[in-house]
């Protein structure tokens, strides 16, 4: 598939897909006319990359995780120097802190909405 179709199927802008490719996060083949051609697996990969980045990881961190997952899929133990392991541990702390903040925000919003006459909206069961 071409980049436009990949963009449509993932909801990721073509400019961002090109950036992901430049960072080594997704891969394409070049057709004889120079157009990028993506395999079917690029859909899931691009969605996973977007999820990692939305979770707050840098593209560098996302690449390390994707590379490690590929090694695990081949039953290999990924190379992980101590500096990298520390960096991953630090990032895990940041993500966990962010999750706690998001959980508190969700609970606060849910509680506020529940106290109104429109409380059913928090469950998505009523129309506005």
N, C-alpha and C. Protein backbone atom coordinates (compact mmCIF):
# COMPACT_ATOMS: atom_id res chain seq x y z
N UNK A 1 0.85 -1.17 0.00
CA UNK A 1 0.00 0.00 0.00
C UNK A 1 0.89 1.23 0.00
N UNK A 2 0.37 2.30 -0.50
CA UNK A 2 1.11 3.56 -0.52
C UNK A 2 0.86 4.34 0.76
N UNK A 3 1.63 5.39 0.94
CA UNK A 3 1.59 6.15 2.19
C UNK A 3 0.21 6.77 2.45
N UNK A 4 -0.47 7.18 1.40
CA UNK A 4 -1.81 7.76 1.57
C UNK A 4 -2.80 6.76 2.16
N UNK A 5 -2.73 5.53 1.68
CA UNK A 5 -3.61 4.49 2.20
C UNK A 5 -3.25 4.15 3.64
N UNK A 6 -1.96 4.08 3.92
CA UNK A 6 -1.52 3.82 5.29
C UNK A 6 -2.03 4.93 6.21
N UNK A 7 -1.96 6.15 5.75
CA UNK A 7 -2.45 7.28 6.52
C UNK A 7 -3.95 7.16 6.78
N UNK A 8 -4.71 6.82 5.75
CA UNK A 8 -6.15 6.65 5.90
C UNK A 8 -6.49 5.54 6.88
N UNK A 9 -5.78 4.44 6.79
CA UNK A 9 -6.09 3.28 7.63
C UNK A 9 -5.68 3.46 9.08
N UNK A 10 -4.70 4.33 9.33
CA UNK A 10 -4.22 4.51 10.69
C UNK A 10 -4.66 5.83 11.32
N UNK A 11 -5.05 6.77 10.49
CA UNK A 11 -5.38 8.10 11.00
C UNK A 11 -4.15 8.92 11.32
N UNK A 12 -3.00 8.49 10.84
CA UNK A 12 -1.73 9.19 11.08
C UNK A 12 -1.38 9.97 9.82
N UNK A 13 -1.07 11.23 9.99
CA UNK A 13 -0.74 12.08 8.84
C UNK A 13 0.46 11.53 8.07
N UNK A 14 0.44 11.72 6.76
CA UNK A 14 1.55 11.22 5.95
C UNK A 14 2.88 11.84 6.37
N UNK A 15 2.85 13.10 6.76
CA UNK A 15 4.08 13.75 7.23
C UNK A 15 4.65 13.02 8.44
N UNK A 16 3.76 12.60 9.36
CA UNK A 16 4.20 11.89 10.56
C UNK A 16 4.71 10.49 10.18
N UNK A 17 4.06 9.85 9.24
CA UNK A 17 4.53 8.53 8.80
C UNK A 17 5.92 8.63 8.18
N UNK A 18 6.18 9.69 7.43
CA UNK A 18 7.52 9.89 6.87
C UNK A 18 8.54 10.10 7.99
N UNK A 19 8.12 10.84 9.01
CA UNK A 19 9.01 11.05 10.15
C UNK A 19 9.29 9.74 10.87
N UNK A 20 8.25 8.94 11.11
CA UNK A 20 8.45 7.63 11.74
C UNK A 20 9.45 6.81 10.93
N UNK A 21 9.31 6.86 9.62
CA UNK A 21 10.23 6.10 8.78
C UNK A 21 11.65 6.64 8.88
N UNK A 22 11.79 7.95 8.92
CA UNK A 22 13.14 8.54 9.02
C UNK A 22 13.80 8.17 10.35
N UNK A 23 13.00 7.87 11.37
CA UNK A 23 13.52 7.48 12.68
C UNK A 23 13.71 5.97 12.80
N UNK A 24 13.38 5.23 11.73
CA UNK A 24 13.54 3.78 11.74
C UNK A 24 12.44 3.05 12.48
N UNK A 25 11.29 3.70 12.67
CA UNK A 25 10.19 3.09 13.42
C UNK A 25 9.26 2.26 12.53
N UNK A 26 9.14 2.63 11.29
CA UNK A 26 8.42 1.84 10.31
C UNK A 26 9.29 1.75 9.07
N UNK A 27 8.99 0.78 8.23
CA UNK A 27 9.80 0.57 7.03
C UNK A 27 8.92 0.53 5.79
N UNK A 28 9.50 0.95 4.70
CA UNK A 28 8.82 0.84 3.41
C UNK A 28 9.84 0.36 2.38
N UNK A 29 9.31 -0.11 1.31
CA UNK A 29 10.13 -0.42 0.14
C UNK A 29 9.88 0.70 -0.86
N UNK A 30 10.83 0.93 -1.72
CA UNK A 30 10.63 1.95 -2.76
C UNK A 30 10.27 1.25 -4.06
N UNK A 31 9.18 1.70 -4.65
CA UNK A 31 8.79 1.18 -5.95
C UNK A 31 9.69 1.81 -7.01
N UNK A 32 9.63 1.30 -8.23
CA UNK A 32 10.50 1.80 -9.30
C UNK A 32 10.25 3.28 -9.58
N UNK A 33 9.05 3.76 -9.28
CA UNK A 33 8.75 5.18 -9.50
C UNK A 33 9.13 6.04 -8.29
N UNK A 34 9.73 5.43 -7.26
CA UNK A 34 10.17 6.17 -6.09
C UNK A 34 9.15 6.26 -4.97
N UNK A 35 7.91 5.81 -5.24
CA UNK A 35 6.89 5.86 -4.20
C UNK A 35 7.18 4.85 -3.10
N UNK A 36 6.78 5.19 -1.88
CA UNK A 36 6.91 4.26 -0.77
C UNK A 36 5.82 3.20 -0.90
N UNK A 37 6.19 1.97 -0.58
CA UNK A 37 5.22 0.87 -0.55
C UNK A 37 5.33 0.19 0.82
N UNK A 38 4.21 0.09 1.50
CA UNK A 38 4.17 -0.49 2.84
C UNK A 38 3.44 -1.82 2.81
N UNK A 39 3.92 -2.74 3.61
CA UNK A 39 3.24 -4.02 3.75
C UNK A 39 2.08 -3.89 4.73
N UNK A 40 1.26 -4.90 4.78
CA UNK A 40 0.09 -4.92 5.66
C UNK A 40 0.48 -4.75 7.13
N UNK A 41 1.62 -5.28 7.51
CA UNK A 41 2.06 -5.19 8.90
C UNK A 41 2.37 -3.76 9.32
N UNK A 42 2.53 -2.86 8.36
CA UNK A 42 2.84 -1.46 8.68
C UNK A 42 1.68 -0.78 9.40
N UNK A 43 0.46 -1.26 9.18
CA UNK A 43 -0.70 -0.67 9.84
C UNK A 43 -0.57 -0.84 11.36
N UNK A 44 -0.39 -2.08 11.79
CA UNK A 44 -0.26 -2.33 13.24
C UNK A 44 0.98 -1.66 13.81
N UNK A 45 2.07 -1.71 13.07
CA UNK A 45 3.31 -1.12 13.55
C UNK A 45 3.16 0.39 13.74
N UNK A 46 2.58 1.07 12.76
CA UNK A 46 2.40 2.52 12.87
C UNK A 46 1.48 2.87 14.03
N UNK A 47 0.43 2.08 14.23
CA UNK A 47 -0.48 2.32 15.35
C UNK A 47 0.23 2.13 16.68
N UNK A 48 1.08 1.11 16.76
CA UNK A 48 1.82 0.84 17.98
C UNK A 48 2.81 1.98 18.24
N UNK A 49 3.48 2.45 17.20
CA UNK A 49 4.42 3.56 17.34
C UNK A 49 3.67 4.79 17.86
N UNK A 50 2.54 5.09 17.24
CA UNK A 50 1.77 6.25 17.69
C UNK A 50 1.37 6.11 19.15
N UNK A 51 0.97 4.91 19.55
CA UNK A 51 0.60 4.68 20.95
C UNK A 51 1.76 4.91 21.89
N UNK A 52 2.93 4.44 21.53
CA UNK A 52 4.11 4.65 22.38
C UNK A 52 4.45 6.13 22.51
N UNK A 53 4.36 6.83 21.41
CA UNK A 53 4.68 8.25 21.43
C UNK A 53 3.61 9.04 22.20
N UNK A 54 2.36 8.68 22.02
CA UNK A 54 1.29 9.33 22.78
C UNK A 54 1.43 9.07 24.28
N UNK A 55 2.01 7.93 24.62
CA UNK A 55 2.23 7.61 26.03
C UNK A 55 3.38 8.43 26.61
N UNK A 56 4.04 9.19 25.76
CA UNK A 56 5.09 10.08 26.24
C UNK A 56 6.50 9.63 25.95
N UNK A 57 6.66 8.50 25.26
CA UNK A 57 8.01 8.04 24.94
C UNK A 57 8.58 8.85 23.78
N UNK A 58 9.86 9.01 23.79
CA UNK A 58 10.52 9.65 22.65
C UNK A 58 10.58 8.63 21.51
N UNK A 59 10.86 9.11 20.31
CA UNK A 59 10.99 8.17 19.20
C UNK A 59 12.18 7.24 19.43
N UNK A 60 13.21 7.76 20.08
CA UNK A 60 14.38 6.92 20.40
C UNK A 60 13.99 5.77 21.32
N UNK A 61 13.20 6.08 22.36
CA UNK A 61 12.74 5.03 23.28
C UNK A 61 11.82 4.05 22.56
N UNK A 62 10.93 4.58 21.74
CA UNK A 62 10.01 3.71 21.00
C UNK A 62 10.80 2.74 20.12
N UNK A 63 11.84 3.24 19.49
CA UNK A 63 12.67 2.37 18.63
C UNK A 63 13.32 1.27 19.45
N UNK A 64 13.82 1.60 20.63
CA UNK A 64 14.45 0.58 21.48
C UNK A 64 13.43 -0.50 21.86
N UNK A 65 12.23 -0.07 22.18
CA UNK A 65 11.20 -1.04 22.57
C UNK A 65 10.81 -1.91 21.38
N UNK A 66 10.62 -1.31 20.23
CA UNK A 66 10.26 -2.08 19.04
C UNK A 66 11.36 -3.07 18.67
N UNK A 67 12.61 -2.64 18.75
CA UNK A 67 13.73 -3.53 18.44
C UNK A 67 13.78 -4.69 19.43
N UNK A 68 13.56 -4.39 20.71
CA UNK A 68 13.57 -5.45 21.73
C UNK A 68 12.44 -6.44 21.48
N UNK A 69 11.26 -5.94 21.11
CA UNK A 69 10.13 -6.84 20.84
C UNK A 69 10.43 -7.77 19.67
N UNK A 70 11.11 -7.26 18.66
CA UNK A 70 11.48 -8.11 17.53
C UNK A 70 12.44 -9.21 17.97
N UNK A 71 13.36 -8.88 18.87
CA UNK A 71 14.29 -9.89 19.36
C UNK A 71 13.55 -10.92 20.21
N UNK A 72 12.62 -10.48 21.04
CA UNK A 72 11.84 -11.43 21.85
C UNK A 72 11.02 -12.35 20.95
N UNK A 73 10.49 -11.81 19.87
CA UNK A 73 9.69 -12.62 18.94
C UNK A 73 10.54 -13.73 18.32
N UNK A 74 11.85 -13.51 18.23
CA UNK A 74 12.76 -14.53 17.70
C UNK A 74 13.38 -15.35 18.83
N UNK A 75 12.81 -15.23 20.04
CA UNK A 75 13.32 -15.92 21.23
C UNK A 75 14.76 -15.56 21.53
N UNK A 76 15.11 -14.32 21.27
CA UNK A 76 16.44 -13.83 21.60
C UNK A 76 16.33 -12.89 22.79
N UNK A 77 17.39 -12.79 23.55
CA UNK A 77 17.44 -11.82 24.63
C UNK A 77 18.02 -10.53 24.07
N UNK A 78 17.26 -9.43 24.14
CA UNK A 78 17.77 -8.18 23.58
C UNK A 78 19.00 -7.69 24.34
N UNK A 79 19.90 -7.08 23.60
CA UNK A 79 21.05 -6.44 24.23
C UNK A 79 20.54 -5.22 24.98
N UNK A 80 20.98 -5.07 26.21
CA UNK A 80 20.53 -3.94 27.01
C UNK A 80 21.64 -3.54 27.97
N UNK A 81 22.49 -2.62 27.55
CA UNK A 81 23.54 -2.13 28.45
C UNK A 81 22.92 -1.48 29.69
N UNK A 82 23.68 -1.40 30.77
CA UNK A 82 23.17 -0.86 32.02
C UNK A 82 22.67 0.56 31.87
N UNK A 83 23.32 1.39 31.06
CA UNK A 83 22.86 2.77 30.86
C UNK A 83 21.47 2.80 30.23
N UNK A 84 21.27 1.93 29.26
CA UNK A 84 19.97 1.85 28.61
C UNK A 84 18.91 1.33 29.59
N UNK A 85 19.26 0.31 30.37
CA UNK A 85 18.31 -0.23 31.36
C UNK A 85 17.91 0.85 32.35
N UNK A 86 18.86 1.67 32.78
CA UNK A 86 18.54 2.76 33.71
C UNK A 86 17.61 3.78 33.05
N UNK A 87 17.87 4.07 31.79
CA UNK A 87 17.04 5.03 31.07
C UNK A 87 15.61 4.49 30.93
N UNK A 88 15.49 3.21 30.62
CA UNK A 88 14.16 2.60 30.52
C UNK A 88 13.46 2.61 31.88
N UNK A 89 14.19 2.33 32.96
CA UNK A 89 13.61 2.35 34.30
C UNK A 89 13.14 3.76 34.66
N UNK A 90 13.92 4.76 34.31
CA UNK A 90 13.52 6.15 34.56
C UNK A 90 12.25 6.49 33.79
N UNK A 91 12.20 6.07 32.54
CA UNK A 91 11.02 6.34 31.72
C UNK A 91 9.80 5.61 32.27
N UNK A 92 9.99 4.40 32.78
CA UNK A 92 8.89 3.67 33.39
C UNK A 92 8.33 4.43 34.59
N UNK A 93 9.19 5.03 35.37
CA UNK A 93 8.75 5.84 36.51
C UNK A 93 7.91 7.02 36.02
N UNK A 94 8.37 7.69 34.98
CA UNK A 94 7.63 8.82 34.42
C UNK A 94 6.26 8.38 33.94
N UNK A 95 6.19 7.26 33.23
CA UNK A 95 4.92 6.76 32.71
C UNK A 95 3.98 6.39 33.86
N UNK A 96 4.51 5.72 34.88
CA UNK A 96 3.68 5.36 36.03
C UNK A 96 3.14 6.60 36.73
N UNK A 97 3.97 7.63 36.89
CA UNK A 97 3.51 8.88 37.50
C UNK A 97 2.40 9.51 36.66
N UNK A 98 2.59 9.51 35.34
CA UNK A 98 1.58 10.07 34.44
C UNK A 98 0.27 9.29 34.55
N UNK A 99 0.37 7.96 34.65
CA UNK A 99 -0.83 7.14 34.81
C UNK A 99 -1.59 7.49 36.10
N UNK A 100 -0.86 7.71 37.16
CA UNK A 100 -1.51 8.09 38.42
C UNK A 100 -2.21 9.43 38.28
N UNK A 101 -1.56 10.39 37.62
CA UNK A 101 -2.18 11.69 37.40
C UNK A 101 -3.43 11.57 36.53
N UNK A 102 -3.34 10.78 35.48
CA UNK A 102 -4.50 10.59 34.60
C UNK A 102 -5.64 9.90 35.34
N UNK A 103 -5.32 8.93 36.18
CA UNK A 103 -6.35 8.24 36.95
C UNK A 103 -7.05 9.21 37.90
N UNK A 104 -6.28 10.05 38.57
CA UNK A 104 -6.88 11.06 39.45
C UNK A 104 -7.76 12.02 38.66
N UNK A 105 -7.31 12.45 37.50
CA UNK A 105 -8.09 13.35 36.67
C UNK A 105 -9.38 12.68 36.21
N UNK A 106 -9.28 11.43 35.78
CA UNK A 106 -10.47 10.70 35.34
C UNK A 106 -11.47 10.59 36.47
N UNK A 107 -10.98 10.22 37.65
CA UNK A 107 -11.88 10.05 38.80
C UNK A 107 -12.54 11.36 39.18
N UNK A 108 -11.78 12.45 39.13
CA UNK A 108 -12.34 13.76 39.47
C UNK A 108 -13.41 14.17 38.46
N UNK A 109 -13.10 14.01 37.18
CA UNK A 109 -14.09 14.34 36.15
C UNK A 109 -15.35 13.48 36.29
N UNK A 110 -15.16 12.21 36.52
CA UNK A 110 -16.29 11.30 36.67
C UNK A 110 -17.14 11.70 37.87
N UNK A 111 -16.49 12.02 38.98
CA UNK A 111 -17.21 12.42 40.19
C UNK A 111 -17.98 13.72 39.97
N UNK A 112 -17.32 14.70 39.34
CA UNK A 112 -18.00 15.97 39.06
C UNK A 112 -19.23 15.76 38.19
N UNK A 113 -19.09 14.99 37.15
CA UNK A 113 -20.20 14.73 36.25
C UNK A 113 -21.30 13.95 36.95
N UNK A 114 -20.93 13.01 37.79
CA UNK A 114 -21.92 12.20 38.50
C UNK A 114 -22.79 13.05 39.41
N UNK A 115 -22.28 14.17 39.88
CA UNK A 115 -23.00 15.04 40.80
C UNK A 115 -23.95 15.99 40.08
N UNK A 116 -23.97 15.94 38.76
CA UNK A 116 -24.88 16.79 38.01
C UNK A 116 -26.09 15.96 37.56
N UNK A 117 -27.07 16.65 37.02
CA UNK A 117 -28.24 15.92 36.51
C UNK A 117 -27.92 15.18 35.21
N UNK A 118 -26.70 15.36 34.71
CA UNK A 118 -26.27 14.70 33.47
C UNK A 118 -25.27 13.59 33.75
N UNK A 119 -25.31 13.05 34.95
CA UNK A 119 -24.35 12.03 35.37
C UNK A 119 -24.29 10.82 34.46
N UNK A 120 -25.38 10.51 33.79
CA UNK A 120 -25.39 9.35 32.91
C UNK A 120 -24.44 9.50 31.73
N UNK A 121 -24.08 10.75 31.42
CA UNK A 121 -23.14 10.97 30.30
C UNK A 121 -21.79 10.34 30.56
N UNK A 122 -21.39 10.22 31.80
CA UNK A 122 -20.08 9.65 32.11
C UNK A 122 -19.99 8.17 31.73
N UNK A 123 -21.12 7.55 31.61
CA UNK A 123 -21.15 6.15 31.18
C UNK A 123 -21.48 6.03 29.70
N UNK A 124 -21.73 7.17 29.07
CA UNK A 124 -22.06 7.15 27.66
C UNK A 124 -23.45 6.58 27.39
N UNK A 125 -24.34 6.62 28.40
CA UNK A 125 -25.65 5.99 28.23
C UNK A 125 -26.76 6.97 27.94
N UNK A 126 -26.48 8.26 28.00
CA UNK A 126 -27.52 9.25 27.74
C UNK A 126 -27.05 10.25 26.72
N UNK A 127 -27.99 10.86 26.03
CA UNK A 127 -27.61 11.89 25.08
C UNK A 127 -27.64 13.24 25.79
N UNK A 128 -26.87 14.20 25.31
CA UNK A 128 -26.77 15.52 25.96
C UNK A 128 -28.08 16.28 25.96
